[in-house]
PDB file of N, CA and C in Angstrom:
ATOM      1  N   MET A   1      13.397   3.315 -22.004  1.00  0.00           N
ATOM      2  CA  MET A   1      12.647   4.291 -22.662  1.00  0.00           C
ATOM      3  C   MET A   1      13.070   5.706 -22.475  1.00  0.00           C
ATOM      4  N   ALA A   2      13.324   6.370 -23.491  1.00  0.00           N
ATOM      5  CA  ALA A   2      13.639   7.655 -23.397  1.00  0.00           C
ATOM      6  C   ALA A   2      12.831   8.654 -22.625  1.00  0.00           C
ATOM      7  N   GLY A   3      13.318   9.348 -21.872  1.00  0.00           N
ATOM      8  CA  GLY A   3      12.746  10.493 -21.104  1.00  0.00           C
ATOM      9  C   GLY A   3      11.975   9.810 -19.778  1.00  0.00           C
ATOM     10  N   THR A   4      12.466   8.686 -19.579  1.00  0.00           N
ATOM     11  CA  THR A   4      11.923   7.922 -18.156  1.00  0.00           C
ATOM     12  C   THR A   4      12.980   7.702 -17.233  1.00  0.00           C
ATOM     13  N   TYR A   5      12.654   7.653 -16.062  1.00  0.00           N
ATOM     14  CA  TYR A   5      13.504   7.339 -14.805  1.00  0.00           C
ATOM     15  C   TYR A   5      12.911   6.067 -14.091  1.00  0.00           C
ATOM     16  N   ARG A   6      14.107   5.339 -13.393  1.00  0.00           N
ATOM     17  CA  ARG A   6      13.564   4.386 -12.763  1.00  0.00           C
ATOM     18  C   ARG A   6      13.833   4.517 -11.179  1.00  0.00           C
ATOM     19  N   ALA A   7      13.008   4.126 -10.331  1.00  0.00           N
ATOM     20  CA  ALA A   7      13.377   4.182  -8.893  1.00  0.00           C
ATOM     21  C   ALA A   7      12.698   3.007  -8.415  1.00  0.00           C
ATOM     22  N   GLU A   8      13.376   2.514  -7.256  1.00  0.00           N
ATOM     23  CA  GLU A   8      13.059   1.357  -6.379  1.00  0.00           C
ATOM     24  C   GLU A   8      13.101   1.842  -4.929  1.00  0.00           C
ATOM     25  N   ILE A   9      12.073   1.391  -4.198  1.00  0.00           N
ATOM     26  CA  ILE A   9      11.944   1.856  -2.926  1.00  0.00           C
ATOM     27  C   ILE A   9      11.441   0.775  -1.963  1.00  0.00           C
ATOM     28  N   SER A  10      11.989   0.315  -0.921  1.00  0.00           N
ATOM     29  CA  SER A  10      11.693  -0.638   0.171  1.00  0.00           C
ATOM     30  C   SER A  10      11.288   0.179   1.488  1.00  0.00           C
ATOM     31  N   TRP A  11      10.189  -0.809   1.995  1.00  0.00           N
ATOM     32  CA  TRP A  11       9.935  -0.169   3.272  1.00  0.00           C
ATOM     33  C   TRP A  11       9.346  -1.329   4.233  1.00  0.00           C
ATOM     34  N   ARG A  12       9.297  -1.026   5.545  1.00  0.00           N
ATOM     35  CA  ARG A  12       8.590  -1.947   6.356  1.00  0.00           C
ATOM     36  C   ARG A  12       7.488  -1.464   7.041  1.00  0.00           C
ATOM     37  N   GLU A  13       6.533  -2.110   7.237  1.00  0.00           N
ATOM     38  CA  GLU A  13       5.330  -1.715   7.922  1.00  0.00           C
ATOM     39  C   GLU A  13       4.503  -2.882   8.454  1.00  0.00           C
ATOM     40  N   LYS A  14       4.027  -2.891   9.630  1.00  0.00           N
ATOM     41  CA  LYS A  14       3.398  -3.916  10.289  1.00  0.00           C
ATOM     42  C   LYS A  14       2.170  -4.356   9.548  1.00  0.00           C
ATOM     43  N   THR A  15       1.336  -3.208   9.249  1.00  0.00           N
ATOM     44  CA  THR A  15       0.121  -3.537   8.298  1.00  0.00           C
ATOM     45  C   THR A  15       0.470  -3.030   6.987  1.00  0.00           C
ATOM     46  N   SER A  16      -0.256  -3.886   6.067  1.00  0.00           N
ATOM     47  CA  SER A  16      -0.030  -3.548   4.433  1.00  0.00           C
ATOM     48  C   SER A  16      -0.429  -2.251   4.070  1.00  0.00           C
ATOM     49  N   LYS A  17       0.298  -1.589   3.275  1.00  0.00           N
ATOM     50  CA  LYS A  17       0.065  -0.267   2.544  1.00  0.00           C
ATOM     51  C   LYS A  17       0.043  -0.653   1.188  1.00  0.00           C
ATOM     52  N   CYS A  18       0.177  -1.717   0.539  1.00  0.00           N
ATOM     53  CA  CYS A  18       0.394  -2.048  -0.788  1.00  0.00           C
ATOM     54  C   CYS A  18      -0.839  -1.541  -1.613  1.00  0.00           C
ATOM     55  N   ALA A  19      -2.004  -1.766  -1.116  1.00  0.00           N
ATOM     56  CA  ALA A  19      -3.074  -1.348  -2.016  1.00  0.00           C
ATOM     57  C   ALA A  19      -3.258   0.138  -2.003  1.00  0.00           C
ATOM     58  N   GLU A  20      -2.843   0.923  -0.916  1.00  0.00           N
ATOM     59  CA  GLU A  20      -2.914   2.236  -0.766  1.00  0.00           C
ATOM     60  C   GLU A  20      -2.033   2.910  -1.758  1.00  0.00           C
ATOM     61  N   ILE A  21      -0.857   2.385  -1.821  1.00  0.00           N
ATOM     62  CA  ILE A  21       0.375   2.786  -2.655  1.00  0.00           C
ATOM     63  C   ILE A  21      -0.085   2.579  -4.033  1.00  0.00           C
ATOM     64  N   ALA A  22      -0.465   1.477  -4.457  1.00  0.00           N
ATOM     65  CA  ALA A  22      -0.918   1.135  -5.681  1.00  0.00           C
ATOM     66  C   ALA A  22      -1.897   2.150  -6.238  1.00  0.00           C
ATOM     67  N   THR A  23      -3.007   2.589  -5.301  1.00  0.00           N
ATOM     68  CA  THR A  23      -3.977   3.258  -5.743  1.00  0.00           C
ATOM     69  C   THR A  23      -3.421   4.590  -5.816  1.00  0.00           C
ATOM     70  N   ALA A  24      -2.754   5.165  -5.122  1.00  0.00           N
ATOM     71  CA  ALA A  24      -2.041   6.549  -5.119  1.00  0.00           C
ATOM     72  C   ALA A  24      -1.219   6.687  -6.711  1.00  0.00           C
ATOM     73  N   LEU A  25      -0.409   5.609  -6.773  1.00  0.00           N
ATOM     74  CA  LEU A  25       0.383   5.480  -8.062  1.00  0.00           C
ATOM     75  C   LEU A  25      -0.347   5.576  -9.293  1.00  0.00           C
ATOM     76  N   ARG A  26      -1.560   4.762  -9.210  1.00  0.00           N
ATOM     77  CA  ARG A  26      -2.356   4.557 -10.388  1.00  0.00           C
ATOM     78  C   ARG A  26      -3.176   5.830 -11.045  1.00  0.00           C
ATOM     79  N   SER A  27      -3.159   6.860  -9.951  1.00  0.00           N
ATOM     80  CA  SER A  27      -3.653   8.231 -10.215  1.00  0.00           C
ATOM     81  C   SER A  27      -2.783   9.028 -11.138  1.00  0.00           C
ATOM     82  N   TRP A  28      -1.551   8.418 -11.131  1.00  0.00           N
ATOM     83  CA  TRP A  28      -0.615   9.081 -12.096  1.00  0.00           C
ATOM     84  C   TRP A  28      -0.723   8.340 -13.363  1.00  0.00           C
ATOM     85  N   HIS A  29      -1.308   8.373 -14.279  1.00  0.00           N
ATOM     86  CA  HIS A  29      -1.674   7.586 -15.569  1.00  0.00           C
ATOM     87  C   HIS A  29      -0.499   6.987 -16.316  1.00  0.00           C
ATOM     88  N   TYR A  30       0.531   7.942 -16.420  1.00  0.00           N
ATOM     89  CA  TYR A  30       1.888   7.766 -17.089  1.00  0.00           C
ATOM     90  C   TYR A  30       2.739   6.971 -16.563  1.00  0.00           C
ATOM     91  N   VAL A  31       2.616   6.680 -15.265  1.00  0.00           N
ATOM     92  CA  VAL A  31       3.657   5.898 -14.384  1.00  0.00           C
ATOM     93  C   VAL A  31       3.456   4.331 -14.551  1.00  0.00           C
ATOM     94  N   ARG A  32       4.585   3.671 -14.957  1.00  0.00           N
ATOM     95  CA  ARG A  32       4.506   2.185 -14.719  1.00  0.00           C
ATOM     96  C   ARG A  32       5.119   1.724 -13.405  1.00  0.00           C
ATOM     97  N   PHE A  33       4.337   0.886 -12.660  1.00  0.00           N
ATOM     98  CA  PHE A  33       4.810   0.534 -11.472  1.00  0.00           C
ATOM     99  C   PHE A  33       4.606  -0.945 -11.084  1.00  0.00           C
ATOM    100  N   GLU A  34       5.284  -1.462 -10.011  1.00  0.00           N
ATOM    101  CA  GLU A  34       5.073  -2.664  -9.113  1.00  0.00           C
ATOM    102  C   GLU A  34       5.035  -2.486  -7.855  1.00  0.00           C
ATOM    103  N   VAL A  35       4.284  -3.052  -7.137  1.00  0.00           N
ATOM    104  CA  VAL A  35       4.198  -2.720  -5.682  1.00  0.00           C
ATOM    105  C   VAL A  35       3.922  -4.149  -5.048  1.00  0.00           C
ATOM    106  N   ARG A  36       4.851  -4.698  -4.281  1.00  0.00           N
ATOM    107  CA  ARG A  36       4.742  -5.987  -3.514  1.00  0.00           C
ATOM    108  C   ARG A  36       4.751  -5.684  -2.087  1.00  0.00           C
ATOM    109  N   ASP A  37       3.778  -6.520  -1.359  1.00  0.00           N
ATOM    110  CA  ASP A  37       3.757  -6.737   0.008  1.00  0.00           C
ATOM    111  C   ASP A  37       4.204  -8.152   0.167  1.00  0.00           C
ATOM    112  N   GLU A  38       5.286  -8.257   0.653  1.00  0.00           N
ATOM    113  CA  GLU A  38       6.028  -9.739   0.722  1.00  0.00           C
ATOM    114  C   GLU A  38       6.098 -10.066   2.125  1.00  0.00           C
ATOM    115  N   SER A  39       5.841 -11.362   2.446  1.00  0.00           N
ATOM    116  CA  SER A  39       6.260 -11.776   3.719  1.00  0.00           C
ATOM    117  C   SER A  39       6.449 -13.437   3.628  1.00  0.00           C
ATOM    118  N   ASP A  40       6.822 -14.009   4.631  1.00  0.00           N
ATOM    119  CA  ASP A  40       7.197 -15.449   4.421  1.00  0.00           C
ATOM    120  C   ASP A  40       5.910 -16.274   4.089  1.00  0.00           C
ATOM    121  N   ASN A  41       4.774 -15.714   4.561  1.00  0.00           N
ATOM    122  CA  ASN A  41       3.444 -16.326   4.099  1.00  0.00           C
ATOM    123  C   ASN A  41       2.692 -15.954   2.856  1.00  0.00           C
ATOM    124  N   GLY A  42       3.398 -15.015   2.260  1.00  0.00           N
ATOM    125  CA  GLY A  42       2.735 -14.510   1.047  1.00  0.00           C
ATOM    126  C   GLY A  42       2.471 -13.030   1.029  1.00  0.00           C
ATOM    127  N   GLY A  43       1.523 -12.490   0.176  1.00  0.00           N
ATOM    128  CA  GLY A  43       1.129 -11.103   0.102  1.00  0.00           C
ATOM    129  C   GLY A  43       0.478 -10.902  -1.055  1.00  0.00           C
ATOM    130  N   ASP A  44       0.439  -9.646  -1.423  1.00  0.00           N
ATOM    131  CA  ASP A  44      -0.205  -8.953  -2.566  1.00  0.00           C
ATOM    132  C   ASP A  44       0.836  -8.454  -3.720  1.00  0.00           C
ATOM    133  N   PHE A  45       0.686  -8.472  -4.977  1.00  0.00           N
ATOM    134  CA  PHE A  45       1.265  -7.910  -5.952  1.00  0.00           C
ATOM    135  C   PHE A  45       0.381  -6.970  -6.926  1.00  0.00           C
ATOM    136  N   TYR A  46       0.832  -5.766  -6.992  1.00  0.00           N
ATOM    137  CA  TYR A  46       0.100  -5.019  -7.921  1.00  0.00           C
ATOM    138  C   TYR A  46       1.071  -4.457  -9.136  1.00  0.00           C
ATOM    139  N   ARG A  47       0.521  -4.448 -10.288  1.00  0.00           N
ATOM    140  CA  ARG A  47       1.254  -4.156 -11.453  1.00  0.00           C
ATOM    141  C   ARG A  47       0.337  -2.940 -12.069  1.00  0.00           C
ATOM    142  N   PHE A  48       1.007  -1.981 -12.660  1.00  0.00           N
ATOM    143  CA  PHE A  48       0.141  -1.008 -13.619  1.00  0.00           C
ATOM    144  C   PHE A  48       0.994  -0.565 -14.831  1.00  0.00           C
ATOM    145  N   THR A  49       0.434  -0.465 -15.908  1.00  0.00           N
ATOM    146  CA  THR A  49       0.962   0.113 -17.193  1.00  0.00           C
ATOM    147  C   THR A  49      -0.095   0.958 -17.709  1.00  0.00           C
ATOM    148  N   PRO A  50       0.103   2.105 -18.347  1.00  0.00           N
ATOM    149  CA  PRO A  50      -0.940   2.968 -18.837  1.00  0.00           C
ATOM    150  C   PRO A  50      -1.830   2.287 -19.980  1.00  0.00           C
ATOM    151  N   ASP A  51      -1.045   1.330 -20.685  1.00  0.00           N
ATOM    152  CA  ASP A  51      -1.941   0.653 -21.797  1.00  0.00           C
ATOM    153  C   ASP A  51      -2.852  -0.556 -21.154  1.00  0.00           C
ATOM    154  N   LEU A  52      -2.319  -1.184 -20.138  1.00  0.00           N
ATOM    155  CA  LEU A  52      -3.048  -2.263 -19.689  1.00  0.00           C
ATOM    156  C   LEU A  52      -4.015  -2.032 -18.465  1.00  0.00           C
ATOM    157  N   GLY A  53      -3.619  -0.941 -17.805  1.00  0.00           N
ATOM    158  CA  GLY A  53      -4.374  -0.912 -16.361  1.00  0.00           C
ATOM    159  C   GLY A  53      -3.615  -1.649 -15.284  1.00  0.00           C
ATOM    160  N   ILE A  54      -4.372  -1.794 -14.282  1.00  0.00           N
ATOM    161  CA  ILE A  54      -4.039  -2.394 -12.993  1.00  0.00           C
ATOM    162  C   ILE A  54      -4.130  -3.890 -13.075  1.00  0.00           C
ATOM    163  N   HIS A  55      -3.299  -4.662 -12.590  1.00  0.00           N
ATOM    164  CA  HIS A  55      -3.446  -6.114 -12.463  1.00  0.00           C
ATOM    165  C   HIS A  55      -3.054  -6.342 -10.810  1.00  0.00           C
ATOM    166  N   ARG A  56      -3.965  -7.010 -10.126  1.00  0.00           N
ATOM    167  CA  ARG A  56      -3.625  -7.624  -8.901  1.00  0.00           C
ATOM    168  C   ARG A  56      -3.463  -9.022  -8.666  1.00  0.00           C
ATOM    169  N   ALA A  57      -2.431  -9.632  -7.971  1.00  0.00           N
ATOM    170  CA  ALA A  57      -2.396 -11.114  -8.033  1.00  0.00           C
ATOM    171  C   ALA A  57      -1.935 -11.193  -6.258  1.00  0.00           C
ATOM    172  N   SER A  58      -2.309 -12.369  -5.871  1.00  0.00           N
ATOM    173  CA  SER A  58      -1.930 -12.948  -4.502  1.00  0.00           C
ATOM    174  C   SER A  58      -0.486 -13.652  -5.076  1.00  0.00           C
ATOM    175  N   ILE A  59       0.487 -13.548  -4.100  1.00  0.00           N
ATOM    176  CA  ILE A  59       1.744 -14.232  -4.203  1.00  0.00           C
ATOM    177  C   ILE A  59       2.072 -15.080  -2.952  1.00  0.00           C
ATOM    178  N   ASP A  60       2.878 -16.051  -3.112  1.00  0.00           N
ATOM    179  CA  ASP A  60       3.296 -17.025  -1.901  1.00  0.00           C
ATOM    180  C   ASP A  60       4.476 -16.494  -1.303  1.00  0.00           C
ATOM    181  N   GLY A  61       4.953 -16.983  -0.349  1.00  0.00           N
ATOM    182  CA  GLY A  61       6.321 -16.687   0.454  1.00  0.00           C
ATOM    183  C   GLY A  61       7.663 -16.589  -0.634  1.00  0.00           C
ATOM    184  N   ALA A  62       7.615 -17.273  -1.762  1.00  0.00           N
ATOM    185  CA  ALA A  62       8.565 -17.202  -2.752  1.00  0.00           C
ATOM    186  C   ALA A  62       8.360 -16.147  -3.815  1.00  0.00           C
ATOM    187  N   GLY A  63       7.204 -15.483  -3.672  1.00  0.00           N
ATOM    188  CA  GLY A  63       7.029 -14.490  -4.746  1.00  0.00           C
ATOM    189  C   GLY A  63       6.325 -14.933  -5.978  1.00  0.00           C
ATOM    190  N   SER A  64       5.804 -16.401  -6.204  1.00  0.00           N
ATOM    191  CA  SER A  64       4.986 -16.808  -7.180  1.00  0.00           C
ATOM    192  C   SER A  64       3.555 -16.497  -7.042  1.00  0.00           C
ATOM    193  N   ILE A  65       3.096 -16.205  -8.161  1.00  0.00           N
ATOM    194  CA  ILE A  65       1.566 -15.662  -8.373  1.00  0.00           C
ATOM    195  C   ILE A  65       0.598 -16.857  -8.148  1.00  0.00           C
ATOM    196  N   LEU A  66      -0.303 -16.726  -7.200  1.00  0.00           N
ATOM    197  CA  LEU A  66      -1.326 -17.859  -6.998  1.00  0.00           C
ATOM    198  C   LEU A  66      -2.500 -17.545  -7.843  1.00  0.00           C
ATOM    199  N   ILE A  67      -2.964 -18.536  -8.239  1.00  0.00           N
ATOM    200  CA  ILE A  67      -4.443 -18.468  -8.758  1.00  0.00           C
ATOM    201  C   ILE A  67      -5.350 -19.199  -8.146  1.00  0.00           C
ATOM    202  N   ASN A  68      -6.389 -18.853  -7.772  1.00  0.00           N
ATOM    203  CA  ASN A  68      -7.580 -19.335  -6.814  1.00  0.00           C
ATOM    204  C   ASN A  68      -8.489 -20.123  -7.523  1.00  0.00           C
ATOM    205  N   GLU A  69      -9.325 -20.892  -6.834  1.00  0.00           N
ATOM    206  CA  GLU A  69     -10.351 -21.577  -7.433  1.00  0.00           C
ATOM    207  C   GLU A  69     -11.417 -20.747  -8.174  1.00  0.00           C
ATOM    208  N   ASN A  70     -11.715 -19.763  -7.861  1.00  0.00           N
ATOM    209  CA  ASN A  70     -12.570 -18.910  -8.427  1.00  0.00           C
ATOM    210  C   ASN A  70     -12.013 -18.367  -9.911  1.00  0.00           C
ATOM    211  N   GLN A  71     -10.779 -17.971  -9.896  1.00  0.00           N
ATOM    212  CA  GLN A  71     -10.039 -17.714 -11.147  1.00  0.00           C
ATOM    213  C   GLN A  71     -10.178 -18.749 -12.073  1.00  0.00           C
ATOM    214  N   ILE A  72      -9.879 -19.830 -11.741  1.00  0.00           N
ATOM    215  CA  ILE A  72      -9.858 -21.214 -12.495  1.00  0.00           C
ATOM    216  C   ILE A  72     -11.083 -21.505 -13.141  1.00  0.00           C
ATOM    217  N   THR A  73     -12.226 -21.410 -12.212  1.00  0.00           N
ATOM    218  CA  THR A  73     -13.555 -21.650 -12.433  1.00  0.00           C
ATOM    219  C   THR A  73     -13.903 -20.624 -13.524  1.00  0.00           C
ATOM    220  N   ALA A  74     -13.771 -19.537 -13.352  1.00  0.00           N
ATOM    221  CA  ALA A  74     -14.162 -18.307 -14.270  1.00  0.00           C
ATOM    222  C   ALA A  74     -13.386 -18.700 -15.659  1.00  0.00           C
ATOM    223  N   ALA A  75     -12.222 -19.046 -15.704  1.00  0.00           N
ATOM    224  CA  ALA A  75     -11.644 -19.335 -16.819  1.00  0.00           C
ATOM    225  C   ALA A  75     -12.109 -20.333 -17.639  1.00  0.00           C
ATOM    226  N   LEU A  76     -12.417 -21.637 -16.820  1.00  0.00           N
ATOM    227  CA  LEU A  76     -13.034 -22.533 -17.594  1.00  0.00           C
ATOM    228  C   LEU A  76     -14.529 -22.414 -18.043  1.00  0.00           C
ATOM    229  N   ASP A  77     -15.107 -21.611 -17.254  1.00  0.00           N
ATOM    230  CA  ASP A  77     -16.759 -21.209 -17.685  1.00  0.00           C
ATOM    231  C   ASP A  77     -16.631 -20.296 -18.947  1.00  0.00           C
ATOM    232  N   LYS A  78     -15.691 -19.412 -19.067  1.00  0.00           N
ATOM    233  CA  LYS A  78     -15.673 -18.635 -20.229  1.00  0.00           C
ATOM    234  C   LYS A  78     -14.775 -19.058 -21.634  1.00  0.00           C
ATOM    235  N   SER A  79     -14.258 -20.170 -21.254  1.00  0.00           N
ATOM    236  CA  SER A  79     -13.464 -20.755 -22.460  1.00  0.00           C
ATOM    237  C   SER A  79     -13.977 -21.891 -23.054  1.00  0.00           C
ATOM    238  N   PHE A  80     -14.128 -21.712 -24.481  1.00  0.00           N
ATOM    239  CA  PHE A  80     -14.490 -22.804 -25.359  1.00  0.00           C
ATOM    240  C   PHE A  80     -13.732 -23.566 -26.010  1.00  0.00           C
ATOM    241  N   ASP A  81     -12.361 -23.332 -25.997  1.00  0.00           N
ATOM    242  CA  ASP A  81     -11.258 -23.980 -26.680  1.00  0.00           C
ATOM    243  C   ASP A  81     -10.043 -23.733 -25.904  1.00  0.00           C
ATOM    244  N   GLU A  82      -8.983 -24.504 -26.361  1.00  0.00           N
ATOM    245  CA  GLU A  82      -7.607 -24.298 -25.642  1.00  0.00           C
ATOM    246  C   GLU A  82      -7.183 -23.044 -25.679  1.00  0.00           C
ATOM    247  N   GLU A  83      -7.310 -22.327 -26.795  1.00  0.00           N
ATOM    248  CA  GLU A  83      -6.628 -20.755 -26.870  1.00  0.00           C
ATOM    249  C   GLU A  83      -7.286 -19.885 -26.052  1.00  0.00           C
ATOM    250  N   ALA A  84      -8.654 -20.013 -25.944  1.00  0.00           N
ATOM    251  CA  ALA A  84      -9.537 -19.067 -24.831  1.00  0.00           C
ATOM    252  C   ALA A  84      -8.982 -19.455 -23.543  1.00  0.00           C
ATOM    253  N   LEU A  85      -8.785 -20.637 -23.172  1.00  0.00           N
ATOM    254  CA  LEU A  85      -8.439 -20.989 -21.814  1.00  0.00           C
ATOM    255  C   LEU A  85      -7.189 -20.629 -21.482  1.00  0.00           C
ATOM    256  N   ARG A  86      -6.289 -20.792 -22.311  1.00  0.00           N
ATOM    257  CA  ARG A  86      -4.798 -20.303 -22.245  1.00  0.00           C
ATOM    258  C   ARG A  86      -4.856 -18.687 -21.985  1.00  0.00           C
ATOM    259  N   ALA A  87      -5.616 -18.070 -22.742  1.00  0.00           N
ATOM    260  CA  ALA A  87      -5.723 -16.366 -22.764  1.00  0.00           C
ATOM    261  C   ALA A  87      -6.212 -16.077 -21.306  1.00  0.00           C
ATOM    262  N   ALA A  88      -7.195 -17.047 -20.821  1.00  0.00           N
ATOM    263  CA  ALA A  88      -7.851 -16.558 -19.507  1.00  0.00           C
ATOM    264  C   ALA A  88      -6.757 -16.780 -18.316  1.00  0.00           C
ATOM    265  N   LEU A  89      -6.060 -17.913 -18.231  1.00  0.00           N
ATOM    266  CA  LEU A  89      -5.008 -18.252 -17.379  1.00  0.00           C
ATOM    267  C   LEU A  89      -3.955 -17.331 -17.520  1.00  0.00           C
ATOM    268  N   GLU A  90      -3.594 -16.841 -18.630  1.00  0.00           N
ATOM    269  CA  GLU A  90      -2.469 -15.852 -18.744  1.00  0.00           C
ATOM    270  C   GLU A  90      -2.921 -14.329 -18.303  1.00  0.00           C
ATOM    271  N   SER A  91      -4.252 -14.026 -18.270  1.00  0.00           N
ATOM    272  CA  SER A  91      -4.722 -12.853 -17.691  1.00  0.00           C
ATOM    273  C   SER A  91      -4.709 -12.936 -16.398  1.00  0.00           C
ATOM    274  N   ALA A  92      -5.087 -14.153 -15.781  1.00  0.00           N
ATOM    275  CA  ALA A  92      -4.975 -14.235 -14.153  1.00  0.00           C
ATOM    276  C   ALA A  92      -3.556 -14.161 -13.832  1.00  0.00           C
ATOM    277  N   LEU A  93      -2.623 -14.687 -14.509  1.00  0.00           N
ATOM    278  CA  LEU A  93      -1.231 -14.539 -14.119  1.00  0.00           C
ATOM    279  C   LEU A  93      -0.675 -13.148 -14.424  1.00  0.00           C
ATOM    280  N   GLY A  94      -1.095 -12.264 -15.097  1.00  0.00           N
ATOM    281  CA  GLY A  94      -0.705 -11.110 -15.637  1.00  0.00           C
ATOM    282  C   GLY A  94       0.362 -11.211 -16.504  1.00  0.00           C
ATOM    283  N   THR A  95       0.311 -11.826 -17.426  1.00  0.00           N
ATOM    284  CA  THR A  95       1.482 -12.164 -18.414  1.00  0.00           C
ATOM    285  C   THR A  95       1.774 -10.900 -19.248  1.00  0.00           C
ATOM    286  N   LYS A  96       0.616 -10.209 -19.680  1.00  0.00           N
ATOM    287  CA  LYS A  96       0.874  -9.103 -20.525  1.00  0.00           C
ATOM    288  C   LYS A  96       1.643  -8.022 -19.711  1.00  0.00           C
ATOM    289  N   TRP A  97       1.363  -7.879 -18.323  1.00  0.00           N
ATOM    290  CA  TRP A  97       1.976  -6.950 -17.636  1.00  0.00           C
ATOM    291  C   TRP A  97       3.556  -7.316 -17.434  1.00  0.00           C
ATOM    292  N   GLU A  98       3.681  -8.555 -17.130  1.00  0.00           N
ATOM    293  CA  GLU A  98       5.036  -9.117 -17.075  1.00  0.00           C
ATOM    294  C   GLU A  98       5.770  -8.850 -18.420  1.00  0.00           C
ATOM    295  N   LEU A  99       5.322  -9.021 -19.413  1.00  0.00           N
ATOM    296  CA  LEU A  99       6.083  -8.816 -20.796  1.00  0.00           C
ATOM    297  C   LEU A  99       6.493  -7.390 -20.787  1.00  0.00           C
ATOM    298  N   GLU A 100       5.436  -6.409 -20.587  1.00  0.00           N
ATOM    299  CA  GLU A 100       5.709  -5.060 -20.777  1.00  0.00           C
ATOM    300  C   GLU A 100       6.600  -4.499 -19.531  1.00  0.00           C
ATOM    301  N   LEU A 101       6.780  -4.936 -18.242  1.00  0.00           N
ATOM    302  CA  LEU A 101       7.382  -4.389 -17.461  1.00  0.00           C
ATOM    303  C   LEU A 101       8.733  -5.124 -17.260  1.00  0.00           C
ATOM    304  N   GLU A 102       9.006  -6.141 -17.761  1.00  0.00           N
ATOM    305  CA  GLU A 102      10.362  -6.843 -17.595  1.00  0.00           C
ATOM    306  C   GLU A 102      11.564  -6.134 -18.036  1.00  0.00           C
ATOM    307  N   PRO A 103      11.409  -5.364 -19.215  1.00  0.00           N
ATOM    308  CA  PRO A 103      12.653  -4.643 -19.691  1.00  0.00           C
ATOM    309  C   PRO A 103      12.946  -3.456 -18.696  1.00  0.00           C
ATOM    310  N   LEU A 104      11.907  -3.102 -17.956  1.00  0.00           N
ATOM    311  CA  LEU A 104      12.224  -2.076 -16.987  1.00  0.00           C
ATOM    312  C   LEU A 104      12.905  -2.425 -15.746  1.00  0.00           C
ATOM    313  N   ARG A 105      12.620  -3.637 -15.395  1.00  0.00           N
ATOM    314  CA  ARG A 105      13.200  -4.538 -14.356  1.00  0.00           C
ATOM    315  C   ARG A 105      14.756  -4.782 -14.510  1.00  0.00           C
ATOM    316  N   ALA A 106      15.023  -5.225 -15.891  1.00  0.00           N
ATOM    317  CA  ALA A 106      16.222  -5.690 -16.400  1.00  0.00           C
ATOM    318  C   ALA A 106      17.409  -4.703 -16.443  1.00  0.00           C
ATOM    319  N   VAL A 107      17.082  -3.437 -16.229  1.00  0.00           N
ATOM    320  CA  VAL A 107      17.950  -2.464 -16.264  1.00  0.00           C
ATOM    321  C   VAL A 107      19.268  -2.801 -15.619  1.00  0.00           C
ATOM    322  N   ASP A 108      20.410  -2.678 -16.152  1.00  0.00           N
ATOM    323  CA  ASP A 108      21.745  -2.894 -15.354  1.00  0.00           C
ATOM    324  C   ASP A 108      22.087  -1.400 -15.024  1.00  0.00           C
ATOM    325  N   MET A 109      22.167  -1.232 -13.562  1.00  0.00           N
ATOM    326  CA  MET A 109      22.429  -0.112 -13.019  1.00  0.00           C
ATOM    327  C   MET A 109      23.846   0.598 -13.431  1.00  0.00           C
ATOM    328  N   ASN A 110      24.725  -0.176 -13.867  1.00  0.00           N
ATOM    329  CA  ASN A 110      26.133   0.037 -14.378  1.00  0.00           C
ATOM    330  C   ASN A 110      25.920   0.850 -15.669  1.00  0.00           C
ATOM    331  N   GLU A 111      24.860   0.550 -16.349  1.00  0.00           N
ATOM    332  CA  GLU A 111      24.731   1.093 -17.726  1.00  0.00           C
ATOM    333  C   GLU A 111      23.762   2.353 -17.533  1.00  0.00           C
ATOM    334  N   ARG A 112      23.430   2.796 -16.470  1.00  0.00           N
ATOM    335  CA  ARG A 112      22.368   3.906 -16.283  1.00  0.00           C
ATOM    336  C   ARG A 112      22.889   5.159 -16.921  1.00  0.00           C
ATOM    337  N   SER A 113      23.950   5.626 -17.128  1.00  0.00           N
ATOM    338  CA  SER A 113      24.292   6.655 -17.823  1.00  0.00           C
ATOM    339  C   SER A 113      23.897   6.666 -19.296  1.00  0.00           C
ATOM    340  N   HIS A 114      23.650   5.640 -19.919  1.00  0.00           N
ATOM    341  CA  HIS A 114      23.366   5.454 -21.247  1.00  0.00           C
ATOM    342  C   HIS A 114      21.848   5.621 -21.328  1.00  0.00           C
ATOM    343  N   LEU A 115      21.011   5.514 -20.073  1.00  0.00           N
ATOM    344  CA  LEU A 115      19.583   5.459 -20.025  1.00  0.00           C
ATOM    345  C   LEU A 115      19.057   6.807 -19.646  1.00  0.00           C
ATOM    346  N   GLN A 116      19.938   7.691 -19.121  1.00  0.00           N
ATOM    347  CA  GLN A 116      19.342   8.990 -18.624  1.00  0.00           C
ATOM    348  C   GLN A 116      18.774   9.828 -19.779  1.00  0.00           C
ATOM    349  N   ALA A 117      17.605  10.486 -19.355  1.00  0.00           N
ATOM    350  CA  ALA A 117      16.951  11.423 -20.315  1.00  0.00           C
ATOM    351  C   ALA A 117      17.742  12.591 -20.729  1.00  0.00           C
ATOM    352  N   ILE A 118      17.544  12.949 -21.864  1.00  0.00           N
ATOM    353  CA  ILE A 118      18.450  14.098 -22.274  1.00  0.00           C
ATOM    354  C   ILE A 118      17.468  15.505 -22.008  1.00  0.00           C
TER     355      ILE A 118
END
C-alpha cells in the first residue's frame, strides 16, 4: 500500500500486555495491526483495520483460532439458513480481517525497496 510502512516487534513478558497494546494501537484509527499473546497453552489474538474495527480471538498453542460454545450457540440462534450460519462462523473466525491483513503479512522483505513510500 503506497505511503505505508510495515513493522514487526516481539517482546517477552510474564503477564500479558496484549489487550493493552491493542487498545493503544486502536486509538490510532489509520493503523492496521495484529497483536498476539502466544504460549504453549494458547493466548489471545487481536486484529484491527480502519474499515472493520477490532477483532479478538482466543488461540491455541499452534496459533489456531478457537471458537467457544457461546459463539457457536449465538451463530446457531441467529442463523436461519446455511448462508447466515456460514457468515456468523466466518465472523467468529475473523475471516474478513484475515483477508484484509494477509497481503501485509506476505511482504517479501527482499522486495521492500519497491514498497517504500515516496
